[in-house]
Amino acid sequence: MTMWLPRGLAFAVGMVLVRLVQGALINTFPTNAGTISLLLVVLFGIGAFAWALLDGMADARANADPDRRRDLAMRWLLAGLFAGVVSGFVVWIISLIYHAIYADGIVSELTVFAAFTTLLVFLPAMLAVSVGRWMVDRNRPPEARRRVTDGAETDVFDAVRDDEPMTGPIAPLGAAAAGVAAVDHPEALTSPVALAERELADDATEQIVGQIHDETERIEAEIDDIQSEGDSKH
């Protein structure tokens, strides 16, 4: 049997009884009609709250993960709709025989009164479900969220957790890295290898500078020769 149907039937019967008691009490105490109606509505809402509170607590105990819990909102919405329509129709049938009950026409009973009954069941139920789940969750020790992989539950943080310590010997610097480090931070490397790398770099730099200087002098000499030849022609 669908889970919302027993609840819908129970509250449909409950609303019919509320309407019957309301009619009888108002006919007996007409000056207290407002108080009587309010008290009966509150009692009806308390019944919905109590049942939904048990639903919320049971669901929280069965499913610790909030993402896996049942859709109790749809369950209680359908129960409220069923209770409203069925009780409205039954009250209209009774009003044809028992005139002491307060009832409108069939259209009003199946629309306006059915909507009122739906809200009277659904709103307290949703509040009770939240309270019931909270009452269970506040006493539950914190747990790591888990996922199911190949039929086995694993911690979702296992994929990124590394139990091995990230320690060990540091690899030596290569020749190129040592040369760069020597140029950028000459005071950081003072070993014989570092000094040798630094001297090689200095020698290469001096050779390049000397070649550039010689090439510059050769070009200047050729320019002077060309100018001399031009002057002699003139």
C-alpha atoms as a PDB file:
ATOM      1  CA  MET A   1       0.000   0.000   0.000  1.00  0.00           C
ATOM      2  CA  THR A   2       1.226   3.502  -0.812  1.00  0.00           C
ATOM      3  CA  MET A   3       2.677   5.238   2.240  1.00  0.00           C
ATOM      4  CA  TRP A   4       0.537   8.369   1.899  1.00  0.00           C
ATOM      5  CA  LEU A   5      -2.765   6.494   1.613  1.00  0.00           C
ATOM      6  CA  PRO A   6      -3.098   5.354   5.266  1.00  0.00           C
ATOM      7  CA  ARG A   7      -2.342   8.886   6.411  1.00  0.00           C
ATOM      8  CA  GLY A   8      -4.837  10.339   3.954  1.00  0.00           C
ATOM      9  CA  LEU A   9      -7.558   7.953   5.089  1.00  0.00           C
ATOM     10  CA  ALA A  10      -6.863   8.616   8.772  1.00  0.00           C
ATOM     11  CA  PHE A  11      -7.053  12.389   8.398  1.00  0.00           C
ATOM     12  CA  ALA A  12     -10.071  12.191   6.119  1.00  0.00           C
ATOM     13  CA  VAL A  13     -11.919  10.304   8.868  1.00  0.00           C
ATOM     14  CA  GLY A  14     -10.549  12.727  11.443  1.00  0.00           C
ATOM     15  CA  MET A  15     -11.806  15.775   9.518  1.00  0.00           C
ATOM     16  CA  VAL A  16     -15.269  14.239   9.138  1.00  0.00           C
ATOM     17  CA  LEU A  17     -15.394  13.666  12.897  1.00  0.00           C
ATOM     18  CA  VAL A  18     -14.207  17.237  13.499  1.00  0.00           C
ATOM     19  CA  ARG A  19     -17.013  18.576  11.307  1.00  0.00           C
ATOM     20  CA  LEU A  20     -19.605  16.453  13.081  1.00  0.00           C
ATOM     21  CA  VAL A  21     -18.411  17.500  16.538  1.00  0.00           C
ATOM     22  CA  GLN A  22     -18.226  21.101  15.410  1.00  0.00           C
ATOM     23  CA  GLY A  23     -21.819  21.083  14.250  1.00  0.00           C
ATOM     24  CA  ALA A  24     -23.070  19.457  17.443  1.00  0.00           C
ATOM     25  CA  LEU A  25     -21.167  21.809  19.777  1.00  0.00           C
ATOM     26  CA  ILE A  26     -22.027  24.974  17.859  1.00  0.00           C
ATOM     27  CA  ASN A  27     -25.710  24.066  17.917  1.00  0.00           C
ATOM     28  CA  THR A  28     -25.423  23.551  21.674  1.00  0.00           C
ATOM     29  CA  PHE A  29     -23.217  26.598  22.400  1.00  0.00           C
ATOM     30  CA  PRO A  30     -23.825  29.028  19.533  1.00  0.00           C
ATOM     31  CA  THR A  31     -22.145  31.950  21.311  1.00  0.00           C
ATOM     32  CA  ASN A  32     -18.817  30.068  21.410  1.00  0.00           C
ATOM     33  CA  ALA A  33     -18.755  29.047  17.747  1.00  0.00           C
ATOM     34  CA  GLY A  34     -15.390  30.737  17.028  1.00  0.00           C
ATOM     35  CA  THR A  35     -13.631  29.206  20.016  1.00  0.00           C
ATOM     36  CA  ILE A  36     -15.021  25.759  19.295  1.00  0.00           C
ATOM     37  CA  SER A  37     -13.911  25.871  15.649  1.00  0.00           C
ATOM     38  CA  LEU A  38     -10.431  27.111  16.571  1.00  0.00           C
ATOM     39  CA  LEU A  39      -9.893  24.430  19.212  1.00  0.00           C
ATOM     40  CA  LEU A  40     -10.981  21.666  16.857  1.00  0.00           C
ATOM     41  CA  VAL A  41      -8.674  22.926  14.096  1.00  0.00           C
ATOM     42  CA  VAL A  42      -5.747  23.081  16.536  1.00  0.00           C
ATOM     43  CA  LEU A  43      -6.399  19.520  17.713  1.00  0.00           C
ATOM     44  CA  PHE A  44      -6.517  18.329  14.129  1.00  0.00           C
ATOM     45  CA  GLY A  45      -3.203  20.082  13.366  1.00  0.00           C
ATOM     46  CA  ILE A  46      -1.614  18.562  16.466  1.00  0.00           C
ATOM     47  CA  GLY A  47      -2.548  15.110  15.187  1.00  0.00           C
ATOM     48  CA  ALA A  48      -0.796  15.795  11.861  1.00  0.00           C
ATOM     49  CA  PHE A  49       2.222  17.210  13.695  1.00  0.00           C
ATOM     50  CA  ALA A  50       2.569  14.171  15.970  1.00  0.00           C
ATOM     51  CA  TRP A  51       2.404  11.624  13.148  1.00  0.00           C
ATOM     52  CA  ALA A  52       4.813  13.559  10.932  1.00  0.00           C
ATOM     53  CA  LEU A  53       7.216  13.966  13.875  1.00  0.00           C
ATOM     54  CA  LEU A  54       7.445  10.179  14.136  1.00  0.00           C
ATOM     55  CA  ASP A  55       7.987   9.977  10.375  1.00  0.00           C
ATOM     56  CA  GLY A  56      10.847  12.464  10.511  1.00  0.00           C
ATOM     57  CA  MET A  57      12.561  10.721  13.413  1.00  0.00           C
ATOM     58  CA  ALA A  58      12.230   7.289  11.812  1.00  0.00           C
ATOM     59  CA  ASP A  59      13.590   8.573   8.499  1.00  0.00           C
ATOM     60  CA  ALA A  60      16.582  10.229  10.182  1.00  0.00           C
ATOM     61  CA  ARG A  61      17.408   7.031  12.091  1.00  0.00           C
ATOM     62  CA  ALA A  62      17.195   4.928   8.917  1.00  0.00           C
ATOM     63  CA  ASN A  63      19.290   7.286   6.775  1.00  0.00           C
ATOM     64  CA  ALA A  64      22.125   9.158   8.427  1.00  0.00           C
ATOM     65  CA  ASP A  65      23.023  10.860   5.142  1.00  0.00           C
ATOM     66  CA  PRO A  66      20.522  13.708   4.461  1.00  0.00           C
ATOM     67  CA  ASP A  67      20.919  13.203   0.708  1.00  0.00           C
ATOM     68  CA  ARG A  68      19.497   9.679   0.937  1.00  0.00           C
ATOM     69  CA  ARG A  69      16.398  10.406   2.993  1.00  0.00           C
ATOM     70  CA  ARG A  70      12.855   9.907   1.767  1.00  0.00           C
ATOM     71  CA  ASP A  71      10.726  12.597   0.174  1.00  0.00           C
ATOM     72  CA  LEU A  72       8.320  13.075   3.060  1.00  0.00           C
ATOM     73  CA  ALA A  73       7.046  16.357   1.625  1.00  0.00           C
ATOM     74  CA  MET A  74       5.334  14.581  -1.280  1.00  0.00           C
ATOM     75  CA  ARG A  75       4.012  11.894   1.053  1.00  0.00           C
ATOM     76  CA  TRP A  76       2.271  14.396   3.292  1.00  0.00           C
ATOM     77  CA  LEU A  77       1.114  16.619   0.447  1.00  0.00           C
ATOM     78  CA  LEU A  78      -0.687  13.690  -1.177  1.00  0.00           C
ATOM     79  CA  ALA A  79      -2.099  12.656   2.189  1.00  0.00           C
ATOM     80  CA  GLY A  80      -3.458  16.175   2.723  1.00  0.00           C
ATOM     81  CA  LEU A  81      -4.994  16.347  -0.747  1.00  0.00           C
ATOM     82  CA  PHE A  82      -6.625  12.955  -0.311  1.00  0.00           C
ATOM     83  CA  ALA A  83      -7.956  13.863   3.141  1.00  0.00           C
ATOM     84  CA  GLY A  84      -9.355  17.178   1.897  1.00  0.00           C
ATOM     85  CA  VAL A  85     -11.180  15.814  -1.143  1.00  0.00           C
ATOM     86  CA  VAL A  86     -12.533  12.670   0.542  1.00  0.00           C
ATOM     87  CA  SER A  87     -13.643  14.406   3.747  1.00  0.00           C
ATOM     88  CA  GLY A  88     -15.295  17.208   1.784  1.00  0.00           C
ATOM     89  CA  PHE A  89     -17.254  14.756  -0.308  1.00  0.00           C
ATOM     90  CA  VAL A  90     -18.280  12.667   2.727  1.00  0.00           C
ATOM     91  CA  VAL A  91     -19.372  15.751   4.690  1.00  0.00           C
ATOM     92  CA  TRP A  92     -21.482  16.900   1.751  1.00  0.00           C
ATOM     93  CA  ILE A  93     -23.172  13.471   1.625  1.00  0.00           C
ATOM     94  CA  ILE A  94     -23.833  13.576   5.385  1.00  0.00           C
ATOM     95  CA  SER A  95     -25.249  17.115   5.140  1.00  0.00           C
ATOM     96  CA  LEU A  96     -27.987  15.804   2.864  1.00  0.00           C
ATOM     97  CA  ILE A  97     -29.235  13.661   5.757  1.00  0.00           C
ATOM     98  CA  TYR A  98     -27.938  15.304   8.939  1.00  0.00           C
ATOM     99  CA  HIS A  99     -28.685  19.020   8.669  1.00  0.00           C
ATOM    100  CA  ALA A 100     -26.932  19.965  11.909  1.00  0.00           C
ATOM    101  CA  ILE A 101     -23.529  19.706  10.214  1.00  0.00           C
ATOM    102  CA  TYR A 102     -22.197  22.874   8.623  1.00  0.00           C
ATOM    103  CA  ALA A 103     -21.418  22.225   4.951  1.00  0.00           C
ATOM    104  CA  ASP A 104     -21.508  24.150   1.667  1.00  0.00           C
ATOM    105  CA  GLY A 105     -22.219  22.907  -1.812  1.00  0.00           C
ATOM    106  CA  ILE A 106     -20.321  20.090  -3.445  1.00  0.00           C
ATOM    107  CA  VAL A 107     -18.115  22.478  -5.452  1.00  0.00           C
ATOM    108  CA  SER A 108     -17.033  24.454  -2.394  1.00  0.00           C
ATOM    109  CA  GLU A 109     -16.407  21.308  -0.387  1.00  0.00           C
ATOM    110  CA  LEU A 110     -14.189  19.807  -3.109  1.00  0.00           C
ATOM    111  CA  THR A 111     -12.215  23.006  -3.761  1.00  0.00           C
ATOM    112  CA  VAL A 112     -12.082  25.580  -0.961  1.00  0.00           C
ATOM    113  CA  PHE A 113     -12.538  23.227   1.976  1.00  0.00           C
ATOM    114  CA  ALA A 114     -10.306  20.569   0.392  1.00  0.00           C
ATOM    115  CA  ALA A 115      -7.506  23.154  -0.007  1.00  0.00           C
ATOM    116  CA  PHE A 116      -7.939  24.260   3.615  1.00  0.00           C
ATOM    117  CA  THR A 117      -7.706  20.670   4.836  1.00  0.00           C
ATOM    118  CA  THR A 118      -4.628  20.067   2.677  1.00  0.00           C
ATOM    119  CA  LEU A 119      -2.806  23.005   4.231  1.00  0.00           C
ATOM    120  CA  LEU A 120      -3.966  21.998   7.702  1.00  0.00           C
ATOM    121  CA  VAL A 121      -2.278  18.618   7.201  1.00  0.00           C
ATOM    122  CA  PHE A 122       0.748  19.620   5.124  1.00  0.00           C
ATOM    123  CA  LEU A 123       2.106  22.652   6.991  1.00  0.00           C
ATOM    124  CA  PRO A 124       2.246  21.118  10.499  1.00  0.00           C
ATOM    125  CA  ALA A 125       3.592  17.899   8.983  1.00  0.00           C
ATOM    126  CA  MET A 126       6.516  19.652   7.278  1.00  0.00           C
ATOM    127  CA  LEU A 127       7.376  21.480  10.466  1.00  0.00           C
ATOM    128  CA  ALA A 128       7.222  18.223  12.418  1.00  0.00           C
ATOM    129  CA  VAL A 129       9.411  16.355   9.892  1.00  0.00           C
ATOM    130  CA  SER A 130      12.126  19.007  10.206  1.00  0.00           C
ATOM    131  CA  VAL A 131      11.925  18.931  14.003  1.00  0.00           C
ATOM    132  CA  GLY A 132      12.028  15.118  14.098  1.00  0.00           C
ATOM    133  CA  ARG A 133      15.095  14.906  11.870  1.00  0.00           C
ATOM    134  CA  TRP A 134      16.833  17.600  13.887  1.00  0.00           C
ATOM    135  CA  MET A 135      16.130  15.789  17.157  1.00  0.00           C
ATOM    136  CA  VAL A 136      17.841  12.675  15.817  1.00  0.00           C
ATOM    137  CA  ASP A 137      20.723  14.429  14.038  1.00  0.00           C
ATOM    138  CA  ARG A 138      21.758  16.532  17.027  1.00  0.00           C
ATOM    139  CA  ASN A 139      22.498  13.405  19.091  1.00  0.00           C
ATOM    140  CA  ARG A 140      24.318  11.524  16.308  1.00  0.00           C
ATOM    141  CA  PRO A 141      28.135  11.635  16.380  1.00  0.00           C
ATOM    142  CA  PRO A 142      29.678  13.277  13.301  1.00  0.00           C
ATOM    143  CA  GLU A 143      30.483  10.860  10.511  1.00  0.00           C
ATOM    144  CA  ALA A 144      32.474  11.222   7.319  1.00  0.00           C
ATOM    145  CA  ARG A 145      30.297  11.238   4.225  1.00  0.00           C
ATOM    146  CA  ARG A 146      30.606   7.989   2.303  1.00  0.00           C
ATOM    147  CA  ARG A 147      30.054   6.836  -1.244  1.00  0.00           C
ATOM    148  CA  VAL A 148      29.336   3.419  -2.741  1.00  0.00           C
ATOM    149  CA  THR A 149      31.851   2.018  -5.227  1.00  0.00           C
ATOM    150  CA  ASP A 150      31.429  -1.523  -6.556  1.00  0.00           C
ATOM    151  CA  GLY A 151      29.050  -2.393  -3.745  1.00  0.00           C
ATOM    152  CA  ALA A 152      31.390  -1.215  -0.971  1.00  0.00           C
ATOM    153  CA  GLU A 153      31.136   2.040   0.944  1.00  0.00           C
ATOM    154  CA  THR A 154      34.276   4.139   1.043  1.00  0.00           C
ATOM    155  CA  ASP A 155      35.154   7.498   2.485  1.00  0.00           C
ATOM    156  CA  VAL A 156      34.812  10.213  -0.137  1.00  0.00           C
ATOM    157  CA  PHE A 157      38.107  11.717   1.045  1.00  0.00           C
ATOM    158  CA  ASP A 158      40.093   8.500   0.459  1.00  0.00           C
ATOM    159  CA  ALA A 159      40.852   9.570  -3.108  1.00  0.00           C
ATOM    160  CA  VAL A 160      42.712  12.665  -1.974  1.00  0.00           C
ATOM    161  CA  ARG A 161      44.131  11.456   1.316  1.00  0.00           C
ATOM    162  CA  ASP A 162      47.789  10.366   1.295  1.00  0.00           C
ATOM    163  CA  ASP A 163      48.882   8.432   4.359  1.00  0.00           C
ATOM    164  CA  GLU A 164      52.585   8.342   3.370  1.00  0.00           C
ATOM    165  CA  PRO A 165      54.650  11.284   4.666  1.00  0.00           C
ATOM    166  CA  MET A 166      55.934  13.568   1.948  1.00  0.00           C
ATOM    167  CA  THR A 167      59.544  13.533   3.251  1.00  0.00           C
ATOM    168  CA  GLY A 168      62.830  12.298   1.860  1.00  0.00           C
ATOM    169  CA  PRO A 169      66.236  13.400   0.541  1.00  0.00           C
ATOM    170  CA  ILE A 170      66.277  16.381  -1.767  1.00  0.00           C
ATOM    171  CA  ALA A 171      67.590  15.612  -5.236  1.00  0.00           C
ATOM    172  CA  PRO A 172      70.863  17.425  -6.161  1.00  0.00           C
ATOM    173  CA  LEU A 173      70.743  20.387  -8.496  1.00  0.00           C
ATOM    174  CA  GLY A 174      71.790  19.813 -12.073  1.00  0.00           C
ATOM    175  CA  ALA A 175      74.556  21.765 -13.757  1.00  0.00           C
ATOM    176  CA  ALA A 176      72.152  24.125 -15.507  1.00  0.00           C
ATOM    177  CA  ALA A 177      70.165  24.743 -12.329  1.00  0.00           C
ATOM    178  CA  ALA A 178      73.377  25.276 -10.402  1.00  0.00           C
ATOM    179  CA  GLY A 179      74.521  27.829 -12.970  1.00  0.00           C
ATOM    180  CA  VAL A 180      71.255  29.738 -12.760  1.00  0.00           C
ATOM    181  CA  ALA A 181      71.339  29.650  -8.978  1.00  0.00           C
ATOM    182  CA  ALA A 182      74.934  30.890  -9.009  1.00  0.00           C
ATOM    183  CA  VAL A 183      74.064  33.827 -11.236  1.00  0.00           C
ATOM    184  CA  ASP A 184      70.885  34.801  -9.353  1.00  0.00           C
ATOM    185  CA  HIS A 185      72.136  34.139  -5.827  1.00  0.00           C
ATOM    186  CA  PRO A 186      75.966  33.902  -5.793  1.00  0.00           C
ATOM    187  CA  GLU A 187      76.055  33.805  -1.994  1.00  0.00           C
ATOM    188  CA  ALA A 188      73.790  30.724  -1.816  1.00  0.00           C
ATOM    189  CA  LEU A 189      76.264  28.283  -3.465  1.00  0.00           C
ATOM    190  CA  THR A 190      79.790  28.126  -1.993  1.00  0.00           C
ATOM    191  CA  SER A 191      80.831  24.553  -2.771  1.00  0.00           C
ATOM    192  CA  PRO A 192      83.802  23.805  -5.124  1.00  0.00           C
ATOM    193  CA  VAL A 193      81.363  22.632  -7.795  1.00  0.00           C
ATOM    194  CA  ALA A 194      79.481  25.902  -7.567  1.00  0.00           C
ATOM    195  CA  LEU A 195      82.715  27.922  -7.775  1.00  0.00           C
ATOM    196  CA  ALA A 196      83.848  25.968 -10.824  1.00  0.00           C
ATOM    197  CA  GLU A 197      80.517  26.539 -12.523  1.00  0.00           C
ATOM    198  CA  ARG A 198      80.758  30.234 -11.749  1.00  0.00           C
ATOM    199  CA  GLU A 199      84.320  30.481 -13.213  1.00  0.00           C
ATOM    200  CA  LEU A 200      83.221  28.706 -16.393  1.00  0.00           C
ATOM    201  CA  ALA A 201      80.353  31.124 -16.776  1.00  0.00           C
ATOM    202  CA  ASP A 202      82.683  34.102 -16.249  1.00  0.00           C
ATOM    203  CA  ASP A 203      85.194  32.788 -18.824  1.00  0.00           C
ATOM    204  CA  ALA A 204      82.474  32.270 -21.394  1.00  0.00           C
ATOM    205  CA  THR A 205      81.230  35.789 -20.792  1.00  0.00           C
ATOM    206  CA  GLU A 206      84.731  37.284 -21.202  1.00  0.00           C
ATOM    207  CA  GLN A 207      85.266  35.398 -24.472  1.00  0.00           C
ATOM    208  CA  ILE A 208      81.997  36.664 -25.881  1.00  0.00           C
ATOM    209  CA  VAL A 209      82.808  40.239 -24.849  1.00  0.00           C
ATOM    210  CA  GLY A 210      86.292  39.989 -26.445  1.00  0.00           C
ATOM    211  CA  GLN A 211      84.872  38.668 -29.709  1.00  0.00           C
ATOM    212  CA  ILE A 212      82.345  41.488 -29.821  1.00  0.00           C
ATOM    213  CA  HIS A 213      85.121  44.052 -29.163  1.00  0.00           C
ATOM    214  CA  ASP A 214      87.379  42.636 -31.931  1.00  0.00           C
ATOM    215  CA  GLU A 215      84.503  42.574 -34.397  1.00  0.00           C
ATOM    216  CA  THR A 216      83.658  46.169 -33.543  1.00  0.00           C
ATOM    217  CA  GLU A 217      87.258  47.309 -34.166  1.00  0.00           C
ATOM    218  CA  ARG A 218      87.368  45.477 -37.519  1.00  0.00           C
ATOM    219  CA  ILE A 219      84.166  47.156 -38.680  1.00  0.00           C
ATOM    220  CA  GLU A 220      85.441  50.582 -37.630  1.00  0.00           C
ATOM    221  CA  ALA A 221      88.715  49.986 -39.536  1.00  0.00           C
ATOM    222  CA  GLU A 222      86.825  49.051 -42.705  1.00  0.00           C
ATOM    223  CA  ILE A 223      84.708  52.197 -42.396  1.00  0.00           C
ATOM    224  CA  ASP A 224      87.869  54.325 -42.065  1.00  0.00           C
ATOM    225  CA  ASP A 225      89.394  52.695 -45.170  1.00  0.00           C
ATOM    226  CA  ILE A 226      86.266  53.386 -47.216  1.00  0.00           C
ATOM    227  CA  GLN A 227      86.264  57.026 -46.134  1.00  0.00           C
ATOM    228  CA  SER A 228      89.951  57.387 -46.981  1.00  0.00           C
ATOM    229  CA  GLU A 229      89.407  55.999 -50.486  1.00  0.00           C
ATOM    230  CA  GLY A 230      86.586  58.442 -51.032  1.00  0.00           C
ATOM    231  CA  ASP A 231      88.673  61.407 -49.972  1.00  0.00           C
ATOM    232  CA  SER A 232      91.529  60.406 -52.308  1.00  0.00           C
ATOM    233  CA  LYS A 233      89.195  60.208 -55.286  1.00  0.00           C
ATOM    234  CA  HIS A 234      87.963  63.726 -54.643  1.00  0.00           C
END
